[in-house]
Amino acid sequence: MAEKFSIIVPVYNAENVLAECIKSLINQDYPKKDYEIIMVNDASTDGSKKIIQKYRQVKLIDFPKNQGRVIAREAGAKAARFGMIALTDSDCRAGRDWLKEANRHDEKTMIGVTVNEKERSFSDRFFYLLREKYYNWPDKPVYLNKENYDRLPTGTDNLIIDKKIFLEFSPKEKGAFVSDDTLMIANIMKKHRILLLPNANVTHLERHGLKDLFIQWFRRGGRFWQYFIKEKHNEWKVALILVALLAGILWASLASLNALIALLAILLGNALASYYFAKELKDFLIFYPLFAWICIAFLFGIIRSKKLLFAGYFGIIILSIAALIL
């Protein structure tokens, strides 16, 4: 018997990839009567709403003002007709067998694997290399646990979950820096089994522009930090490392005698990281500039979030003043 799914997609300024996302959901190899598509337009300022309105198969929830991904997903879940919801993002393309793979397993919480295209763009190639090196890719379904969680490819851009469980564990905080993926799944894992499905795939269509990449990873830095301090309890250790790292780089850059040494150290570190992830020469040339840019965005996202806001900037300012005096 086929399970019935409500697919929920939060949408914000995704006009460049939204049509591809919608078509992949409409064309699922699954009985049309057994799933619905709900898109929550979070007050997009581009043409996203008009694109959604072109497809009669999609139910549109339209927010008059931007409220963030957490609230958008909750609104979609509350409007869902079916008991199982399937979450993905507007910049993702679902595999044709996405729902079929989920239906093969009688579980209340399942996570599929999000992949990247190898050649679509420089940024897609970059994240493909990053995922290939960092994550362990299972060849059969496996349950998440404390030992394997941080090295398996998980996320709410490919989450199939009972509606009641989702609403129970949806974050109480609603801001842009709330960890609505890693932390939420870690908390669900404490009470419910979560099955990772290697064949229930969606493809993430990466952003191209440097500005968009910076904003994306600035926010991810904040979300990572919230997960890290709440789940791992290493807040002040990492805070000291980050403050010392950023302040040290800035100090060395401002101090004329050490500026060249600081620059060479940064260039060498970036080169070593790029060599580690690259599979061929063109990968090195792609990875080298993007890695530095994303690291900067990620670090400042961590500093911006919560308790590090004051400590991080204060530490950098004080040491910078000291560098100028010395």
Protein backbone atom coordinates (compact mmCIF):
# COMPACT_ATOMS: atom_id res chain seq x y z
CA MET A 1 0.00 0.00 0.00
CA ALA A 2 1.36 3.38 -0.99
CA GLU A 3 2.06 5.89 1.76
CA LYS A 4 0.61 9.35 1.22
CA PHE A 5 3.06 12.27 1.36
CA SER A 6 2.75 16.05 1.63
CA ILE A 7 5.84 17.63 0.05
CA ILE A 8 6.70 20.96 1.68
CA VAL A 9 9.08 23.48 0.13
CA PRO A 10 9.93 26.88 1.69
CA VAL A 11 10.68 29.43 -1.04
CA TYR A 12 12.61 32.69 -0.87
CA ASN A 13 14.08 34.36 -3.95
CA ALA A 14 14.67 31.17 -5.89
CA GLU A 15 13.49 32.15 -9.37
CA ASN A 16 16.65 30.84 -11.07
CA VAL A 17 16.13 27.24 -9.95
CA LEU A 18 12.51 27.05 -8.80
CA ALA A 19 11.01 25.73 -12.04
CA GLU A 20 13.50 22.86 -12.07
CA CYS A 21 12.57 22.02 -8.46
CA ILE A 22 8.82 22.07 -9.19
CA LYS A 23 9.11 19.92 -12.32
CA SER A 24 11.08 17.29 -10.41
CA LEU A 25 8.31 17.08 -7.80
CA ILE A 26 5.45 16.99 -10.31
CA ASN A 27 7.20 14.22 -12.26
CA GLN A 28 7.74 11.82 -9.37
CA ASP A 29 7.37 8.15 -10.29
CA TYR A 30 4.60 7.84 -7.73
CA PRO A 31 0.77 7.82 -7.87
CA LYS A 32 -0.37 11.44 -8.23
CA LYS A 33 -3.29 10.88 -5.84
CA ASP A 34 -0.88 9.82 -3.10
CA TYR A 35 1.08 13.05 -2.74
CA GLU A 36 0.59 16.79 -2.75
CA ILE A 37 3.03 19.68 -3.21
CA ILE A 38 2.88 22.69 -0.88
CA MET A 39 5.16 25.66 -1.49
CA VAL A 40 5.41 28.45 1.07
CA ASN A 41 6.52 31.70 -0.54
CA ASP A 42 8.30 33.57 2.25
CA ALA A 43 7.69 37.07 0.81
CA SER A 44 10.11 36.62 -2.09
CA THR A 45 11.13 39.86 -3.79
CA ASP A 46 11.89 38.23 -7.15
CA GLY A 47 9.62 36.31 -9.52
CA SER A 48 9.29 33.16 -7.38
CA LYS A 49 5.58 33.61 -6.63
CA LYS A 50 4.69 34.00 -10.32
CA ILE A 51 6.62 30.84 -11.17
CA ILE A 52 4.73 28.82 -8.54
CA GLN A 53 1.39 30.13 -9.79
CA LYS A 54 2.07 28.67 -13.24
CA TYR A 55 1.71 25.13 -11.89
CA ARG A 56 -1.80 24.07 -10.93
CA GLN A 57 -0.45 20.96 -9.20
CA VAL A 58 1.19 23.13 -6.52
CA LYS A 59 -0.64 24.55 -3.50
CA LEU A 60 0.72 28.03 -2.67
CA ILE A 61 0.92 29.56 0.80
CA ASP A 62 1.96 33.19 0.43
CA PHE A 63 3.49 35.15 3.33
CA PRO A 64 3.05 38.96 3.19
CA LYS A 65 6.37 39.43 5.03
CA ASN A 66 9.51 37.37 5.43
CA GLN A 67 9.37 35.08 8.47
CA GLY A 68 12.17 32.58 7.92
CA ARG A 69 12.47 28.93 6.98
CA VAL A 70 11.35 27.51 10.33
CA ILE A 71 7.96 29.27 10.27
CA ALA A 72 7.51 28.59 6.55
CA ARG A 73 7.97 24.86 7.03
CA GLU A 74 5.65 24.81 10.04
CA ALA A 75 2.95 26.58 8.02
CA GLY A 76 3.31 23.98 5.28
CA ALA A 77 3.13 21.11 7.76
CA LYS A 78 -0.01 22.49 9.43
CA ALA A 79 -1.69 22.80 6.02
CA ALA A 80 -0.67 19.29 4.94
CA ARG A 81 -3.47 16.81 4.21
CA PHE A 82 -1.34 13.72 4.80
CA GLY A 83 0.39 12.31 7.87
CA MET A 84 3.85 11.96 6.33
CA ILE A 85 5.63 15.06 5.09
CA ALA A 86 8.61 15.20 2.75
CA LEU A 87 10.82 18.27 3.10
CA THR A 88 13.13 19.66 0.48
CA ASP A 89 14.36 23.13 -0.53
CA SER A 90 13.57 25.34 -3.50
CA ASP A 91 17.16 25.02 -4.78
CA CYS A 92 16.95 21.22 -4.88
CA ARG A 93 15.92 18.83 -7.65
CA ALA A 94 14.33 15.62 -6.38
CA GLY A 95 15.24 12.33 -7.98
CA ARG A 96 12.39 10.67 -9.88
CA ASP A 97 12.30 7.77 -7.38
CA TRP A 98 12.51 9.99 -4.27
CA LEU A 99 9.07 9.17 -2.86
CA LYS A 100 9.16 5.59 -4.15
CA GLU A 101 12.35 4.91 -2.18
CA ALA A 102 10.83 6.39 0.99
CA ASN A 103 7.71 4.26 0.55
CA ARG A 104 9.78 1.07 0.61
CA HIS A 105 10.53 1.52 4.32
CA ASP A 106 8.04 1.59 7.16
CA GLU A 107 9.72 4.26 9.28
CA LYS A 108 8.43 7.49 10.82
CA THR A 109 11.65 9.43 10.18
CA MET A 110 13.91 8.99 7.17
CA ILE A 111 16.65 11.07 5.59
CA GLY A 112 17.72 10.76 1.98
CA VAL A 113 21.12 11.69 0.60
CA THR A 114 21.66 15.13 -0.94
CA VAL A 115 24.16 15.15 -3.79
CA ASN A 116 25.81 17.76 -6.01
CA GLU A 117 26.20 17.85 -9.76
CA LYS A 118 29.82 17.44 -10.80
CA GLU A 119 29.99 19.89 -13.68
CA ARG A 120 27.02 22.31 -13.49
CA SER A 121 29.12 25.24 -12.27
CA PHE A 122 32.29 26.06 -10.32
CA SER A 123 30.34 26.21 -7.06
CA ASP A 124 28.63 22.87 -7.76
CA ARG A 125 32.01 21.27 -8.43
CA PHE A 126 33.41 22.81 -5.23
CA PHE A 127 30.66 21.35 -3.01
CA TYR A 128 30.79 18.03 -4.81
CA LEU A 129 34.48 17.75 -3.90
CA LEU A 130 33.78 18.85 -0.33
CA ARG A 131 31.01 16.29 0.22
CA GLU A 132 32.96 13.47 -1.42
CA LYS A 133 35.92 13.97 0.90
CA TYR A 134 34.11 14.74 4.15
CA TYR A 135 31.13 12.37 4.26
CA ASN A 136 30.93 8.62 4.47
CA TRP A 137 28.55 7.36 1.79
CA PRO A 138 26.67 4.18 2.84
CA ASP A 139 25.75 1.67 0.15
CA LYS A 140 22.65 0.45 2.02
CA PRO A 141 20.15 1.96 4.50
CA VAL A 142 21.62 2.63 7.93
CA TYR A 143 20.25 4.03 11.20
CA LEU A 144 21.76 7.23 12.57
CA ASN A 145 23.47 7.17 15.96
CA LYS A 146 25.90 9.31 17.99
CA GLU A 147 28.92 7.61 16.44
CA ASN A 148 28.03 8.03 12.76
CA TYR A 149 25.87 11.17 12.76
CA ASP A 150 28.51 13.84 12.12
CA ARG A 151 30.04 12.01 9.14
CA LEU A 152 26.87 10.95 7.31
CA PRO A 153 25.20 13.26 4.77
CA THR A 154 22.08 14.47 6.61
CA GLY A 155 19.89 17.55 6.40
CA THR A 156 16.34 18.86 6.26
CA ASP A 157 16.59 19.45 2.51
CA ASN A 158 15.87 15.71 2.18
CA LEU A 159 13.78 14.70 5.19
CA ILE A 160 10.74 12.40 5.23
CA ILE A 161 9.04 12.51 8.61
CA ASP A 162 5.78 12.00 10.44
CA LYS A 163 3.97 15.34 10.69
CA LYS A 164 3.44 15.07 14.45
CA ILE A 165 7.13 14.34 15.08
CA PHE A 166 8.20 17.24 12.87
CA LEU A 167 5.97 19.75 14.62
CA GLU A 168 7.05 18.46 18.03
CA PHE A 169 10.75 18.98 17.26
CA SER A 170 10.54 22.08 15.10
CA PRO A 171 12.77 24.71 16.79
CA LYS A 172 11.10 27.01 19.29
CA GLU A 173 13.42 29.81 18.16
CA LYS A 174 12.62 31.11 14.69
CA GLY A 175 15.55 33.34 13.62
CA ALA A 176 17.88 33.04 10.64
CA PHE A 177 20.66 31.56 12.80
CA VAL A 178 18.51 28.80 14.31
CA SER A 179 19.83 25.32 13.57
CA ASP A 180 16.67 23.95 11.98
CA ASP A 181 18.52 21.05 10.41
CA THR A 182 21.51 19.58 12.27
CA LEU A 183 20.33 20.36 15.81
CA MET A 184 16.71 19.41 15.11
CA ILE A 185 17.68 16.05 13.63
CA ALA A 186 20.09 15.40 16.52
CA ASN A 187 17.24 16.01 18.97
CA ILE A 188 14.83 13.76 17.04
CA MET A 189 17.48 11.03 17.06
CA LYS A 190 17.38 10.93 20.88
CA LYS A 191 13.76 9.72 20.88
CA HIS A 192 13.10 8.20 17.46
CA ARG A 193 14.86 5.96 14.99
CA ILE A 194 16.11 7.77 11.89
CA LEU A 195 16.89 5.72 8.80
CA LEU A 196 19.30 7.07 6.20
CA LEU A 197 18.30 6.10 2.66
CA PRO A 198 21.23 6.28 0.20
CA ASN A 199 18.96 5.92 -2.84
CA ALA A 200 16.39 8.59 -1.93
CA ASN A 201 18.31 11.42 -3.55
CA VAL A 202 17.85 15.10 -4.18
CA THR A 203 20.40 17.21 -6.01
CA HIS A 204 21.33 20.57 -4.50
CA LEU A 205 21.64 23.28 -7.17
CA GLU A 206 24.33 25.52 -5.73
CA ARG A 207 24.33 29.31 -5.87
CA HIS A 208 26.69 30.88 -8.40
CA GLY A 209 27.43 34.45 -7.27
CA LEU A 210 30.00 35.30 -4.60
CA LYS A 211 27.47 37.45 -2.75
CA ASP A 212 24.92 34.64 -2.59
CA LEU A 213 27.57 32.14 -1.47
CA PHE A 214 28.72 34.51 1.27
CA ILE A 215 25.19 35.00 2.62
CA GLN A 216 24.51 31.26 2.47
CA TRP A 217 27.63 30.33 4.45
CA PHE A 218 27.36 33.28 6.82
CA ARG A 219 24.02 31.85 7.94
CA ARG A 220 25.33 28.29 7.99
CA GLY A 221 28.11 29.38 10.31
CA GLY A 222 25.56 30.64 12.81
CA ARG A 223 23.48 27.49 12.55
CA PHE A 224 26.54 25.29 12.95
CA TRP A 225 27.54 27.16 16.07
CA GLN A 226 24.12 26.75 17.65
CA TYR A 227 24.28 22.99 17.07
CA PHE A 228 27.84 22.79 18.32
CA ILE A 229 27.29 24.59 21.64
CA LYS A 230 23.92 22.98 22.41
CA GLU A 231 24.81 19.46 21.41
CA LYS A 232 28.57 19.28 21.89
CA HIS A 233 29.01 21.75 24.79
CA ASN A 234 32.38 23.13 23.67
CA GLU A 235 31.32 26.76 23.43
CA TRP A 236 34.17 28.63 25.13
CA LYS A 237 36.95 26.43 23.78
CA VAL A 238 35.94 27.14 20.22
CA ALA A 239 35.18 30.78 21.04
CA LEU A 240 38.75 31.31 22.21
CA ILE A 241 40.17 29.58 19.15
CA LEU A 242 38.07 31.66 16.75
CA VAL A 243 38.81 34.96 18.46
CA ALA A 244 42.53 34.16 18.61
CA LEU A 245 42.58 33.07 14.97
CA LEU A 246 40.82 36.12 13.56
CA ALA A 247 42.60 38.55 15.86
CA GLY A 248 45.94 36.95 15.04
CA ILE A 249 45.39 37.26 11.31
CA LEU A 250 44.32 40.87 11.68
CA TRP A 251 47.22 41.69 14.00
CA ALA A 252 49.75 40.17 11.63
CA SER A 253 48.23 42.05 8.70
CA LEU A 254 48.35 45.38 10.51
CA ALA A 255 51.86 44.97 11.85
CA SER A 256 54.08 45.92 8.90
CA LEU A 257 56.94 43.55 9.76
CA ASN A 258 54.60 40.55 9.85
CA ALA A 259 52.25 41.38 7.00
CA LEU A 260 54.15 39.34 4.42
CA ILE A 261 54.46 36.37 6.78
CA ALA A 262 50.71 36.48 7.51
CA LEU A 263 49.88 36.65 3.82
CA LEU A 264 52.17 33.75 2.96
CA ALA A 265 50.73 31.65 5.81
CA ILE A 266 47.17 32.24 4.60
CA LEU A 267 48.07 31.46 0.98
CA LEU A 268 49.95 28.30 1.95
CA GLY A 269 47.15 27.05 4.19
CA ASN A 270 44.60 27.60 1.46
CA ALA A 271 46.83 25.85 -1.08
CA LEU A 272 47.24 22.79 1.16
CA ALA A 273 43.48 22.56 1.73
CA SER A 274 42.82 22.90 -1.99
CA TYR A 275 45.35 20.17 -2.80
CA TYR A 276 43.69 17.86 -0.25
CA PHE A 277 40.22 18.19 -1.79
CA ALA A 278 41.16 18.43 -5.49
CA LYS A 279 41.02 15.41 -7.76
CA GLU A 280 42.72 17.10 -10.72
CA LEU A 281 44.35 20.42 -11.61
CA LYS A 282 41.11 22.18 -12.59
CA ASP A 283 39.68 21.26 -9.18
CA PHE A 284 42.59 23.00 -7.47
CA LEU A 285 41.94 26.16 -9.47
CA ILE A 286 38.25 26.02 -8.52
CA PHE A 287 38.78 25.19 -4.88
CA TYR A 288 41.53 27.72 -4.13
CA PRO A 289 39.53 31.00 -4.40
CA LEU A 290 36.17 29.64 -3.22
CA PHE A 291 37.52 27.92 -0.11
CA ALA A 292 38.95 31.14 1.31
CA TRP A 293 35.76 33.07 0.56
CA ILE A 294 33.49 30.49 2.19
CA CYS A 295 35.74 30.12 5.25
CA ILE A 296 35.57 33.88 5.85
CA ALA A 297 31.76 33.84 5.58
CA PHE A 298 31.48 30.79 7.85
CA LEU A 299 33.73 32.27 10.56
CA PHE A 300 31.90 35.59 10.62
CA GLY A 301 28.59 33.74 10.75
CA ILE A 302 29.81 31.96 13.88
CA ILE A 303 30.92 35.24 15.44
CA ARG A 304 27.58 36.85 14.60
CA SER A 305 25.56 34.15 16.32
CA LYS A 306 24.48 34.42 19.93
CA LYS A 307 27.11 34.70 22.66
CA LEU A 308 30.06 35.18 20.33
CA LEU A 309 28.71 38.43 18.92
CA PHE A 310 30.17 40.56 21.69
CA ALA A 311 33.15 38.42 22.62
CA GLY A 312 34.40 37.96 19.05
CA TYR A 313 34.23 41.55 17.87
CA PHE A 314 35.46 42.91 21.20
CA GLY A 315 38.51 40.65 21.13
CA ILE A 316 39.37 41.62 17.56
CA ILE A 317 39.00 45.36 18.27
CA ILE A 318 41.21 45.25 21.38
CA LEU A 319 43.98 43.28 19.72
CA SER A 320 43.79 45.45 16.61
CA ILE A 321 44.29 48.58 18.70
CA ALA A 322 47.24 46.90 20.40
CA ALA A 323 48.73 46.03 17.00
CA LEU A 324 48.50 49.64 15.85
CA ILE A 325 50.14 50.91 19.04
CA LEU A 326 52.95 48.38 18.88
